[in-house]
Amino acid sequence: MEYEIEDLLPIVAELAQEYAGCDSTSVTYEKAQMLMAGVIYCLNESRQQAENYPADKRMSVREQYLIGYKRVLEKAEEARKIYNALSVYFDSYNVECLGDTVIKGIPEFMKWYDAKYCPHDTILTLDYPLLCDIRALSGIDAIYAYLRAIETEQIFLQKFDRNYVVSVLRRADPGYEQMLENICDIMLLNTVGHAALGKPLSDRGFKESEYEKLQALFTSDCIDDTADHIRSIIREMTSRLYEDGRGAFEYFCNDVNNMAVRIDTAVRTSHPDKIFLL
């Protein structure tokens, strides 16, 4: 939705007065740009909400802004609740990037996030990579999406004994503590091997005969067939591990094509042991 600059200026001017203590003339050009970006951010939040809950189209731009600003505050509170619940059972598995981002970074965001004057500022670099791409998001939208993804990952990882997770990660990379990879991706690939064989997750280690079977199961002339096979395994797995498996299924499937390529490469080079680790 496009807005006329004339419709936005009164809101920006009001914010500028509040920001500068009623002396809007002391607001720098850069700060004015920041306030304008914040207004547009809130208007976009309002538009997103209207897509789900159609509002009165006769609403003024100011009314739309206020709805969006309220949604920003609500989303910030929801993110806080997710983080508080997550922090009770969160485990970085000694991966420094993951721990620094979640344990150190997120609280700093919560501390400094300015929903009123700078709602579009993400503040953090969010160095630990997810299985989904959130680069188009900013501000509380980015942090909220990030926390939901971390929540999904942690629920999955908590299904395994901690020592097993660490063993798989160490098998993948002896110096895994410093790696900048998504650890859930490594565990998920390993789990796909167990599921494909119908092998209990508690039964650790793959025998040579099992690697031969995996080689046969994932040998295909079409990478899309391998991807479809992985999707079916993930669908069945998430339906068992999550109360509402659809969100987790969609999240994990973001990386299915990459997983299919990696498995296909391992199979073609006769090294399924490089993917299915333990």
Protein backbone atom coordinates (compact mmCIF):
# COMPACT_ATOMS: atom_id res chain seq x y z
CA MET A 1 0.00 0.00 0.00
CA GLU A 2 1.31 3.44 -0.95
CA TYR A 3 0.94 6.44 1.32
CA GLU A 4 1.19 10.12 0.44
CA ILE A 5 4.02 11.87 2.22
CA GLU A 6 1.56 14.56 3.29
CA ASP A 7 -0.41 11.94 5.23
CA LEU A 8 2.69 10.75 7.09
CA LEU A 9 4.23 14.08 8.03
CA PRO A 10 1.74 14.97 10.81
CA ILE A 11 2.46 11.64 12.55
CA VAL A 12 6.22 12.12 12.13
CA ALA A 13 5.97 15.69 13.44
CA GLU A 14 4.07 14.51 16.53
CA LEU A 15 6.66 11.83 17.21
CA ALA A 16 9.45 14.35 16.66
CA GLN A 17 7.96 16.66 19.27
CA GLU A 18 7.75 13.85 21.79
CA TYR A 19 11.22 12.58 20.92
CA ALA A 20 12.84 16.01 21.26
CA GLY A 21 10.83 17.18 24.24
CA CYS A 22 8.38 19.37 22.31
CA ASP A 23 11.15 21.05 20.30
CA SER A 24 10.82 19.30 16.95
CA THR A 25 13.20 21.80 15.32
CA SER A 26 16.08 20.17 17.20
CA VAL A 27 15.49 16.80 15.51
CA THR A 28 18.23 16.06 13.00
CA TYR A 29 17.53 14.96 9.44
CA GLU A 30 18.78 11.47 10.29
CA LYS A 31 16.42 11.23 13.28
CA ALA A 32 13.53 12.47 11.15
CA GLN A 33 14.31 9.72 8.63
CA MET A 34 14.34 7.21 11.50
CA LEU A 35 10.93 8.38 12.69
CA MET A 36 9.51 8.24 9.16
CA ALA A 37 10.82 4.68 8.73
CA GLY A 38 9.20 3.75 12.05
CA VAL A 39 5.84 5.16 10.97
CA ILE A 40 5.98 3.21 7.70
CA TYR A 41 6.94 0.07 9.65
CA CYS A 42 3.86 0.41 11.86
CA LEU A 43 1.65 1.05 8.84
CA ASN A 44 2.95 -2.16 7.29
CA GLU A 45 2.11 -3.99 10.52
CA SER A 46 -1.40 -2.58 10.28
CA ARG A 47 -1.68 -3.73 6.69
CA GLN A 48 -0.58 -7.25 7.60
CA GLN A 49 -3.18 -7.38 10.34
CA ALA A 50 -5.85 -6.09 7.96
CA GLU A 51 -5.11 -9.00 5.60
CA ASN A 52 -6.27 -11.34 8.38
CA TYR A 53 -8.86 -9.06 9.93
CA PRO A 54 -10.21 -6.68 7.27
CA ALA A 55 -10.63 -3.23 8.73
CA ASP A 56 -12.78 -0.29 7.78
CA LYS A 57 -11.22 1.08 4.60
CA ARG A 58 -12.30 4.56 5.62
CA MET A 59 -9.78 4.58 8.47
CA SER A 60 -7.36 7.47 8.41
CA VAL A 61 -3.63 6.92 8.05
CA ARG A 62 -3.22 7.93 11.69
CA GLU A 63 -5.73 5.28 12.79
CA GLN A 64 -3.91 2.68 10.72
CA TYR A 65 -0.61 3.77 12.27
CA LEU A 66 -1.99 3.39 15.80
CA ILE A 67 -3.28 -0.11 15.01
CA GLY A 68 0.15 -1.03 13.65
CA TYR A 69 1.95 0.47 16.65
CA LYS A 70 -0.31 -1.51 18.99
CA ARG A 71 0.52 -4.67 17.03
CA VAL A 72 4.25 -3.93 17.39
CA LEU A 73 3.82 -3.69 21.17
CA GLU A 74 1.79 -6.91 21.24
CA LYS A 75 4.37 -8.76 19.15
CA ALA A 76 7.17 -7.52 21.40
CA GLU A 77 5.30 -8.89 24.41
CA GLU A 78 4.67 -12.20 22.63
CA ALA A 79 8.38 -12.43 21.78
CA ARG A 80 9.21 -11.81 25.45
CA LYS A 81 6.91 -14.63 26.53
CA ILE A 82 8.42 -17.01 23.96
CA TYR A 83 11.91 -16.13 25.14
CA ASN A 84 11.06 -16.52 28.82
CA ALA A 85 9.59 -19.97 28.19
CA LEU A 86 12.47 -20.94 25.90
CA SER A 87 15.14 -19.85 28.36
CA VAL A 88 13.98 -22.50 30.85
CA TYR A 89 15.08 -25.39 28.62
CA PHE A 90 17.32 -23.77 26.01
CA ASP A 91 20.61 -25.57 25.35
CA SER A 92 23.33 -24.26 23.06
CA TYR A 93 25.10 -27.65 23.14
CA ASN A 94 28.29 -25.63 23.62
CA VAL A 95 27.96 -23.98 20.19
CA GLU A 96 29.25 -20.48 20.87
CA CYS A 97 27.42 -18.74 18.04
CA LEU A 98 24.07 -20.17 19.13
CA GLY A 99 24.64 -19.39 22.78
CA ASP A 100 25.87 -15.86 22.14
CA THR A 101 22.91 -15.07 19.89
CA VAL A 102 20.17 -16.43 22.13
CA ILE A 103 21.53 -16.09 25.66
CA LYS A 104 23.39 -12.81 25.22
CA GLY A 105 21.89 -11.16 22.15
CA ILE A 106 18.14 -11.54 22.59
CA PRO A 107 18.05 -10.02 26.10
CA GLU A 108 19.99 -7.04 24.73
CA PHE A 109 17.34 -6.62 22.04
CA MET A 110 14.58 -6.76 24.64
CA LYS A 111 16.44 -4.18 26.70
CA TRP A 112 17.06 -1.65 23.96
CA TYR A 113 14.21 -2.16 21.48
CA ASP A 114 12.38 1.12 20.89
CA ALA A 115 8.90 0.20 19.66
CA LYS A 116 7.72 3.80 19.45
CA TYR A 117 10.50 5.71 17.75
CA CYS A 118 12.53 3.00 16.01
CA PRO A 119 10.42 -0.18 15.66
CA HIS A 120 12.21 -1.21 12.47
CA ASP A 121 15.64 -1.58 14.12
CA THR A 122 16.60 -5.24 14.56
CA ILE A 123 19.62 -4.19 16.67
CA LEU A 124 21.17 -7.69 16.47
CA THR A 125 23.00 -9.38 13.59
CA LEU A 126 21.46 -12.78 14.51
CA ASP A 127 24.64 -14.64 13.57
CA TYR A 128 23.37 -18.16 14.25
CA PRO A 129 21.81 -19.33 10.97
CA LEU A 130 18.26 -20.64 10.71
CA LEU A 131 16.76 -23.11 8.24
CA CYS A 132 14.53 -20.32 6.90
CA ASP A 133 15.41 -16.97 5.37
CA ILE A 134 14.26 -13.99 7.45
CA ARG A 135 16.48 -11.38 5.79
CA ALA A 136 13.43 -9.53 4.47
CA LEU A 137 12.23 -8.97 8.04
CA SER A 138 13.38 -6.32 10.50
CA GLY A 139 12.63 -5.07 13.98
CA ILE A 140 10.31 -7.13 16.12
CA ASP A 141 9.13 -9.10 13.07
CA ALA A 142 12.66 -10.49 12.62
CA ILE A 143 13.17 -11.25 16.32
CA TYR A 144 9.72 -12.84 16.66
CA ALA A 145 10.31 -15.09 13.62
CA TYR A 146 13.79 -15.92 14.87
CA LEU A 147 12.56 -16.96 18.30
CA ARG A 148 9.80 -19.10 16.84
CA ALA A 149 12.39 -20.89 14.69
CA ILE A 150 14.75 -21.42 17.64
CA GLU A 151 11.79 -22.71 19.66
CA THR A 152 10.99 -25.25 16.92
CA GLU A 153 14.62 -26.36 16.77
CA GLN A 154 14.99 -26.70 20.53
CA ILE A 155 11.83 -28.83 20.81
CA PHE A 156 13.32 -31.17 18.20
CA LEU A 157 16.74 -31.33 19.83
CA GLN A 158 15.22 -31.95 23.27
CA LYS A 159 13.85 -35.25 21.98
CA PHE A 160 17.39 -36.63 22.03
CA ASP A 161 19.77 -37.34 24.86
CA ARG A 162 22.12 -34.36 25.18
CA ASN A 163 25.24 -36.53 24.95
CA TYR A 164 23.92 -38.03 21.72
CA VAL A 165 23.43 -34.58 20.18
CA VAL A 166 26.95 -33.57 21.18
CA SER A 167 28.34 -36.82 19.78
CA VAL A 168 26.65 -36.28 16.41
CA LEU A 169 27.87 -32.68 16.24
CA ARG A 170 31.40 -33.68 17.17
CA ARG A 171 31.34 -36.43 14.53
CA ALA A 172 30.30 -33.81 11.99
CA ASP A 173 32.98 -31.36 13.10
CA PRO A 174 35.51 -32.05 15.88
CA GLY A 175 35.61 -28.30 16.57
CA TYR A 176 31.85 -27.92 16.34
CA GLU A 177 31.75 -25.45 19.23
CA GLN A 178 33.04 -22.71 16.91
CA MET A 179 31.10 -23.68 13.80
CA LEU A 180 28.63 -21.32 12.14
CA GLU A 181 26.23 -24.01 10.94
CA ASN A 182 22.70 -24.82 11.99
CA ILE A 183 23.03 -27.73 14.41
CA CYS A 184 19.44 -28.84 13.88
CA ASP A 185 20.23 -29.37 10.20
CA ILE A 186 22.99 -31.82 11.14
CA MET A 187 20.76 -33.69 13.57
CA LEU A 188 17.86 -33.74 11.12
CA LEU A 189 19.98 -35.31 8.39
CA ASN A 190 21.18 -37.98 10.80
CA THR A 191 17.59 -38.63 11.92
CA VAL A 192 16.43 -39.04 8.33
CA GLY A 193 18.84 -41.98 8.06
CA HIS A 194 17.33 -43.65 11.12
CA ALA A 195 13.77 -43.04 9.92
CA ALA A 196 14.49 -44.33 6.42
CA LEU A 197 15.71 -47.61 7.92
CA GLY A 198 12.95 -47.79 10.52
CA LYS A 199 15.80 -47.75 13.02
CA PRO A 200 15.04 -46.56 16.59
CA LEU A 201 16.81 -43.32 17.50
CA SER A 202 18.02 -45.03 20.65
CA ASP A 203 19.91 -47.54 18.49
CA ARG A 204 23.05 -45.54 17.79
CA GLY A 205 25.58 -46.15 15.09
CA PHE A 206 25.11 -47.51 11.58
CA LYS A 207 26.37 -50.92 10.53
CA GLU A 208 27.94 -51.50 7.16
CA SER A 209 24.83 -53.40 6.03
CA GLU A 210 22.69 -50.39 7.04
CA TYR A 211 24.87 -48.02 5.04
CA GLU A 212 24.41 -50.33 2.04
CA LYS A 213 20.66 -50.20 2.55
CA LEU A 214 20.70 -46.40 2.83
CA GLN A 215 22.77 -46.30 -0.35
CA ALA A 216 20.03 -48.26 -2.12
CA LEU A 217 17.14 -46.31 -0.55
CA PHE A 218 18.48 -42.92 -1.62
CA THR A 219 19.89 -43.84 -5.02
CA SER A 220 17.81 -41.99 -7.57
CA ASP A 221 18.10 -40.50 -11.05
CA CYS A 222 16.03 -37.53 -9.95
CA ILE A 223 16.98 -35.22 -7.10
CA ASP A 224 13.32 -34.26 -6.74
CA ASP A 225 12.46 -37.85 -5.84
CA THR A 226 15.06 -37.74 -3.07
CA ALA A 227 13.59 -34.45 -1.82
CA ASP A 228 10.08 -35.95 -1.82
CA HIS A 229 11.34 -38.95 0.13
CA ILE A 230 12.89 -36.67 2.75
CA ARG A 231 9.68 -34.60 2.98
CA SER A 232 7.61 -37.69 3.69
CA ILE A 233 10.02 -38.70 6.46
CA ILE A 234 9.94 -35.22 8.00
CA ARG A 235 6.15 -35.09 7.79
CA GLU A 236 5.78 -38.36 9.69
CA MET A 237 8.43 -37.37 12.22
CA THR A 238 7.01 -33.91 13.01
CA SER A 239 3.49 -35.29 13.36
CA ARG A 240 4.81 -37.49 16.16
CA LEU A 241 7.13 -35.02 17.88
CA TYR A 242 4.97 -31.87 17.88
CA GLU A 243 1.46 -31.16 19.10
CA ASP A 244 0.93 -29.12 15.95
CA GLY A 245 3.36 -30.61 13.49
CA ARG A 246 2.46 -28.46 10.50
CA GLY A 247 4.58 -25.47 11.51
CA ALA A 248 7.59 -27.64 12.30
CA PHE A 249 7.14 -29.58 9.05
CA GLU A 250 7.13 -26.36 7.03
CA TYR A 251 10.15 -25.03 8.90
CA PHE A 252 12.29 -28.15 8.47
CA CYS A 253 11.29 -28.48 4.84
CA ASN A 254 12.88 -25.11 4.08
CA ASP A 255 16.17 -26.97 3.77
CA VAL A 256 14.91 -30.11 2.02
CA ASN A 257 16.44 -29.33 -1.37
CA ASN A 258 19.84 -28.74 0.18
CA MET A 259 19.49 -31.93 2.20
CA ALA A 260 18.57 -33.86 -0.94
CA VAL A 261 21.69 -32.61 -2.75
CA ARG A 262 23.93 -33.52 0.17
CA ILE A 263 22.46 -37.02 0.50
CA ASP A 264 22.59 -37.54 -3.27
CA THR A 265 26.26 -36.49 -3.33
CA ALA A 266 27.07 -38.81 -0.42
CA VAL A 267 25.33 -41.71 -2.12
CA ARG A 268 26.93 -41.09 -5.51
CA THR A 269 30.38 -41.04 -3.93
CA SER A 270 29.55 -44.13 -1.85
CA HIS A 271 29.98 -42.24 1.42
CA PRO A 272 26.61 -42.21 3.18
CA ASP A 273 28.66 -42.24 6.41
CA LYS A 274 29.47 -38.56 5.75
CA ILE A 275 25.78 -37.71 6.21
CA PHE A 276 24.36 -40.40 8.45
CA LEU A 277 26.78 -40.11 11.33
CA LEU A 278 25.64 -41.95 14.40
